[in-house]
Protein backbone atom coordinates (compact mmCIF):
# COMPACT_ATOMS: atom_id res chain seq x y z
CA UNK A 1 8.20 48.10 -28.77
CA UNK A 2 10.29 49.10 -25.83
CA UNK A 3 10.73 52.64 -27.16
CA UNK A 4 6.85 52.92 -27.75
CA UNK A 5 6.02 51.80 -24.22
CA UNK A 6 8.66 53.66 -22.22
CA UNK A 7 9.63 56.57 -24.55
CA UNK A 8 13.37 55.53 -24.54
CA UNK A 9 15.29 52.45 -25.82
CA UNK A 10 15.75 49.28 -23.79
CA UNK A 11 19.55 49.74 -23.81
CA UNK A 12 19.10 53.28 -22.24
CA UNK A 13 16.72 51.78 -19.64
CA UNK A 14 19.12 48.92 -18.75
CA UNK A 15 22.03 51.36 -18.37
CA UNK A 16 20.02 53.70 -16.18
CA UNK A 17 18.63 50.86 -14.17
CA UNK A 18 22.07 49.29 -13.66
CA UNK A 19 23.57 52.66 -12.67
CA UNK A 20 20.81 53.32 -10.07
CA UNK A 21 21.01 49.87 -8.64
CA UNK A 22 24.80 49.82 -8.25
CA UNK A 23 24.81 53.39 -6.84
CA UNK A 24 21.93 52.54 -4.50
CA UNK A 25 23.76 49.44 -3.22
CA UNK A 26 27.06 51.44 -2.63
CA UNK A 27 25.05 54.15 -0.76
CA UNK A 28 23.47 51.39 1.37
CA UNK A 29 26.95 50.11 2.28
CA UNK A 30 28.15 53.66 2.91
CA UNK A 31 25.38 54.35 5.45
CA UNK A 32 26.02 50.89 7.09
CA UNK A 33 29.88 51.49 7.40
CA UNK A 34 29.19 55.10 8.52
CA UNK A 35 26.79 53.93 11.21
CA UNK A 36 29.52 51.53 12.52
CA UNK A 37 32.17 54.27 12.41
CA UNK A 38 29.93 56.72 14.24
CA UNK A 39 29.20 54.14 17.00
CA UNK A 40 32.96 53.49 17.40
CA UNK A 41 33.55 57.19 17.65
CA UNK A 42 30.81 57.56 20.34
CA UNK A 43 31.70 54.39 22.41
CA UNK A 44 32.81 54.89 25.88
CA UNK A 45 36.50 54.06 26.35
CA UNK A 46 36.77 52.28 29.73
CA UNK A 47 39.93 51.16 31.57
CA UNK A 48 39.93 47.67 33.16
CA UNK A 49 40.96 48.46 36.69
CA UNK A 50 39.66 48.64 40.16
CA UNK A 51 37.31 51.53 39.41
CA UNK A 52 35.36 49.66 36.63
CA UNK A 53 33.01 47.88 39.09
CA UNK A 54 32.27 51.19 40.87
CA UNK A 55 31.54 52.96 37.51
CA UNK A 56 29.12 50.23 36.48
CA UNK A 57 27.40 50.16 39.88
CA UNK A 58 26.30 53.71 39.55
CA UNK A 59 25.30 53.29 35.78
CA UNK A 60 21.55 52.45 35.23
CA UNK A 61 21.12 48.78 34.82
CA UNK A 62 24.65 48.20 35.66
CA UNK A 63 25.61 48.22 32.01
CA UNK A 64 27.21 50.33 29.32
CA UNK A 65 25.46 49.79 25.92
CA UNK A 66 28.63 50.31 23.90
CA UNK A 67 32.02 50.40 25.42
CA UNK A 68 35.70 49.91 24.41
CA UNK A 69 38.02 47.86 26.74
CA UNK A 70 41.62 46.70 26.23
CA UNK A 71 43.24 43.96 28.07
CA UNK A 72 45.53 40.90 27.95
CA UNK A 73 43.99 37.49 27.09
CA UNK A 74 43.93 34.89 29.98
CA UNK A 75 42.17 31.62 29.91
CA UNK A 76 39.48 30.59 32.56
CA UNK A 77 40.80 27.15 33.30
CA UNK A 78 42.95 25.10 31.10
CA UNK A 79 44.13 26.72 27.71
CA UNK A 80 44.10 25.18 24.21
CA UNK A 81 47.37 23.80 22.87
CA UNK A 82 48.44 24.26 19.24
CA UNK A 83 48.24 21.11 17.17
CA UNK A 84 51.35 22.08 15.31
CA UNK A 85 53.37 23.75 18.00
CA UNK A 86 52.78 22.18 21.44
CA UNK A 87 54.57 25.00 23.21
CA UNK A 88 51.88 27.56 22.07
CA UNK A 89 48.77 27.84 24.22
CA UNK A 90 45.63 30.04 23.57
CA UNK A 91 41.94 30.39 23.89
CA UNK A 92 40.80 30.31 20.31
CA UNK A 93 42.19 27.89 17.67
CA UNK A 94 41.23 27.35 13.98
CA UNK A 95 42.63 24.75 11.66
CA UNK A 96 41.56 25.08 8.07
CA UNK A 97 42.27 23.25 4.84
CA UNK A 98 41.31 25.00 1.58
CA UNK A 99 41.54 23.84 -2.01
CA UNK A 100 43.29 26.15 -4.52
CA UNK A 101 41.57 25.77 -8.03
CA UNK A 102 42.82 26.95 -11.31
CA UNK A 103 40.20 27.83 -13.98
CA UNK A 104 41.29 26.25 -17.22
CA UNK A 105 38.66 27.96 -19.54
CA UNK A 106 37.57 31.54 -20.17
CA UNK A 107 33.97 30.87 -19.01
CA UNK A 108 34.97 29.71 -15.50
CA UNK A 109 37.59 32.46 -15.28
CA UNK A 110 34.98 35.09 -16.29
CA UNK A 111 32.33 33.86 -13.87
CA UNK A 112 34.55 33.22 -10.91
CA UNK A 113 37.93 34.33 -9.61
CA UNK A 114 40.96 33.08 -11.34
CA UNK A 115 41.67 30.93 -8.27
CA UNK A 116 38.83 29.39 -6.30
CA UNK A 117 39.46 28.33 -2.73
CA UNK A 118 36.60 26.14 -1.36
CA UNK A 119 37.02 24.97 2.30
CA UNK A 120 37.56 21.30 2.58
CA UNK A 121 38.14 21.09 6.35
CA UNK A 122 37.48 23.54 9.22
CA UNK A 123 37.97 22.90 12.88
CA UNK A 124 37.32 25.71 15.54
CA UNK A 125 37.94 25.32 19.23
CA UNK A 126 37.54 27.62 22.10
CA UNK A 127 37.69 27.96 25.83
CA UNK A 128 36.41 30.64 28.13
CA UNK A 129 38.73 33.61 28.64
CA UNK A 130 38.98 37.06 30.07
CA UNK A 131 40.74 40.29 29.37
CA UNK A 132 42.82 41.32 32.29
CA UNK A 133 43.65 45.02 32.88
CA UNK A 134 46.45 46.66 34.81
CA UNK A 135 45.69 45.00 38.04
CA UNK A 136 43.70 41.86 38.94
CA UNK A 137 40.45 43.20 37.39
CA UNK A 138 39.25 41.06 34.50
CA UNK A 139 36.38 41.07 32.10
CA UNK A 140 34.74 37.73 30.86
CA UNK A 141 34.42 37.71 27.09
CA UNK A 142 31.22 36.07 25.78
CA UNK A 143 30.57 34.68 22.22
CA UNK A 144 33.95 35.58 20.81
CA UNK A 145 33.20 33.61 17.61
CA UNK A 146 30.37 36.14 16.87
CA UNK A 147 32.75 39.11 17.05
CA UNK A 148 34.13 40.84 13.87
CA UNK A 149 37.77 42.02 13.23
CA UNK A 150 39.56 39.12 15.03
CA UNK A 151 42.47 38.16 12.79
CA UNK A 152 44.35 35.54 14.80
CA UNK A 153 47.95 34.86 14.66
CA UNK A 154 49.02 32.26 11.99
CA UNK A 155 51.06 29.59 13.62
CA UNK A 156 51.25 27.03 10.69
CA UNK A 157 50.94 27.38 6.93
CA UNK A 158 51.74 24.73 4.46
CA UNK A 159 50.85 23.87 0.94
CA UNK A 160 50.13 20.26 -0.15
CA UNK A 161 50.27 19.10 -3.75
CA UNK A 162 47.36 17.25 -5.01
CA UNK A 163 47.71 13.78 -6.57
CA UNK A 164 45.30 13.96 -9.52
CA UNK A 165 45.38 10.39 -10.84
CA UNK A 166 43.07 9.84 -13.72
CA UNK A 167 41.04 13.00 -13.48
CA UNK A 168 42.38 14.71 -16.63
CA UNK A 169 39.08 14.35 -18.32
CA UNK A 170 37.28 15.82 -15.37
CA UNK A 171 39.46 18.91 -15.68
CA UNK A 172 38.62 19.18 -19.34
CA UNK A 173 34.81 18.98 -18.86
CA UNK A 174 34.59 20.99 -15.71
CA UNK A 175 37.12 23.63 -16.74
CA UNK A 176 38.51 23.55 -13.16
CA UNK A 177 41.81 21.93 -12.03
CA UNK A 178 42.55 21.19 -8.34
CA UNK A 179 45.96 22.88 -8.01
CA UNK A 180 47.06 22.29 -4.31
CA UNK A 181 45.63 22.32 -0.82
CA UNK A 182 46.55 24.96 1.87
CA UNK A 183 46.62 23.90 5.55
CA UNK A 184 46.67 26.81 8.11
CA UNK A 185 46.40 26.95 11.86
CA UNK A 186 45.48 30.24 13.63
CA UNK A 187 45.39 30.84 17.23
CA UNK A 188 44.48 33.71 19.79
CA UNK A 189 47.38 33.08 22.15
CA UNK A 190 47.44 33.71 25.90
CA UNK A 191 49.04 36.99 26.61
CA UNK A 192 47.92 38.77 23.44
CA UNK A 193 46.64 42.24 23.94
CA UNK A 194 43.02 42.58 22.53
CA UNK A 195 40.66 45.46 22.12
CA UNK A 196 36.98 44.69 22.69
CA UNK A 197 34.01 46.66 21.78
CA UNK A 198 30.60 45.71 22.96
CA UNK A 199 28.07 45.64 25.84
CA UNK A 200 29.79 45.80 29.19
CA UNK A 201 27.80 44.55 32.18
CA UNK A 202 28.16 43.83 35.87
CA UNK A 203 26.44 40.70 37.34
CA UNK A 204 25.19 40.69 40.87
CA UNK A 205 28.09 38.43 41.88
CA UNK A 206 30.55 41.00 40.72
CA UNK A 207 31.55 39.48 37.39
CA UNK A 208 32.33 41.86 34.55
CA UNK A 209 31.20 40.75 31.18
CA UNK A 210 31.64 41.83 27.58
CA UNK A 211 29.13 40.55 25.14
CA UNK A 212 27.39 41.35 21.75
CA UNK A 213 25.32 44.57 22.11
CA UNK A 214 21.63 43.92 22.63
CA UNK A 215 20.72 46.75 20.29
CA UNK A 216 22.27 45.07 17.25
CA UNK A 217 25.43 47.29 17.14
CA UNK A 218 28.66 45.75 15.83
CA UNK A 219 30.67 43.45 18.28
CA UNK A 220 34.36 43.68 17.92
CA UNK A 221 37.46 41.72 19.12
CA UNK A 222 40.59 43.02 17.57
CA UNK A 223 44.32 42.62 18.00
CA UNK A 224 44.69 46.05 16.53
CA UNK A 225 44.19 49.10 18.71
CA UNK A 226 40.99 51.09 19.13
CA UNK A 227 42.29 54.02 16.83
CA UNK A 228 43.24 51.59 14.12
CA UNK A 229 39.85 49.90 14.28
CA UNK A 230 38.01 53.20 14.09
CA UNK A 231 40.09 54.71 11.27
CA UNK A 232 39.57 51.45 9.20
CA UNK A 233 35.84 51.60 9.27
CA UNK A 234 35.87 55.38 8.67
CA UNK A 235 38.03 54.82 5.60
CA UNK A 236 35.85 52.07 4.41
CA UNK A 237 32.75 54.31 4.71
CA UNK A 238 34.50 56.98 2.48
CA UNK A 239 35.34 54.41 -0.22
CA UNK A 240 31.59 53.35 -0.45
CA UNK A 241 30.56 56.96 -0.50
CA UNK A 242 33.00 57.70 -3.51
CA UNK A 243 31.70 54.54 -5.28
CA UNK A 244 28.10 55.68 -4.86
CA UNK A 245 28.96 59.13 -6.30
CA UNK A 246 31.02 57.61 -9.19
CA UNK A 247 28.20 55.11 -10.34
CA UNK A 248 25.62 57.95 -9.87
CA UNK A 249 27.64 60.26 -12.15
CA UNK A 250 28.18 57.41 -14.66
CA UNK A 251 24.47 56.90 -15.02
CA UNK A 252 23.82 60.70 -15.55
CA UNK A 253 24.07 60.59 -19.41
CA UNK A 254 21.59 57.84 -19.60
CA UNK A 255 19.41 59.72 -17.12
CA UNK A 256 19.53 62.90 -19.26
CA UNK A 257 18.80 60.98 -22.55
CA UNK A 258 15.79 59.35 -20.94
CA UNK A 259 14.54 62.62 -19.39
CA UNK A 260 14.71 64.25 -22.77
CA UNK A 261 12.70 61.47 -24.37
CA UNK A 262 9.96 61.05 -21.77
CA UNK A 263 10.21 62.75 -18.39
CA UNK A 264 6.93 61.30 -17.19
CA UNK A 265 7.82 57.68 -17.96
CA UNK A 266 11.28 58.21 -16.52
CA UNK A 267 9.83 59.11 -13.12
CA UNK A 268 7.78 56.02 -13.06
CA UNK A 269 10.83 54.12 -14.02
CA UNK A 270 12.93 55.50 -11.27
CA UNK A 271 10.11 54.78 -8.69
CA UNK A 272 9.98 51.20 -9.93
CA UNK A 273 13.82 50.67 -9.28
CA UNK A 274 13.82 52.64 -5.91
């Protein structure tokens, strides 16, 4: 019936549809990553110094829509103290407990990763902070938890073995065994050099601000340098581009077979999936 209606077999249609869907998704991710990489390439690289306010005062709206700044983290007021190392202070702190699970049957292992890591507990604390430049000039950082690319320093990491008690039957029927729990503490410490990419503005009172761009561009806070951040996203765009080409080529034999069978029906099929 499927061959009568479409002009080619259901298996061929599924292969072609899957290939087009995966290739289309990879191309979408490529365009998304390329857009971010292009925005990073075109962002204005601004030094945090005494000339920054003068630059923004002569800029329309006293703002730069997408700018790159680098500075040293300093708290506005009292900093946070580490829960595991009292001598360490910072402006962002995250404590997380994850459960490491081991799949005991083939079905669980096939549908999920071999080791699952659900979050059991997560606590995030933050205080206002600035990025200070070469002199006393500082830029206030807004909404740091919305920024991408911030991999904080790991201060504490410890595995805890789980006491299972009488849950053997539970393992058997669920196919999942709770293996152990991992407790970690991460912190953005005072004195860390951070690269920020976002919207740079000057308030009427003279306060410099870095915040998420109002046009929807990607907001970054990174302990890596600007060049590292830019190259990382450019490389990610290339990977997605190659994957899109690979899956498109993989679906070419199915496309050719279907085209030979019924070119008119194939065009309708492609329009349906696109």
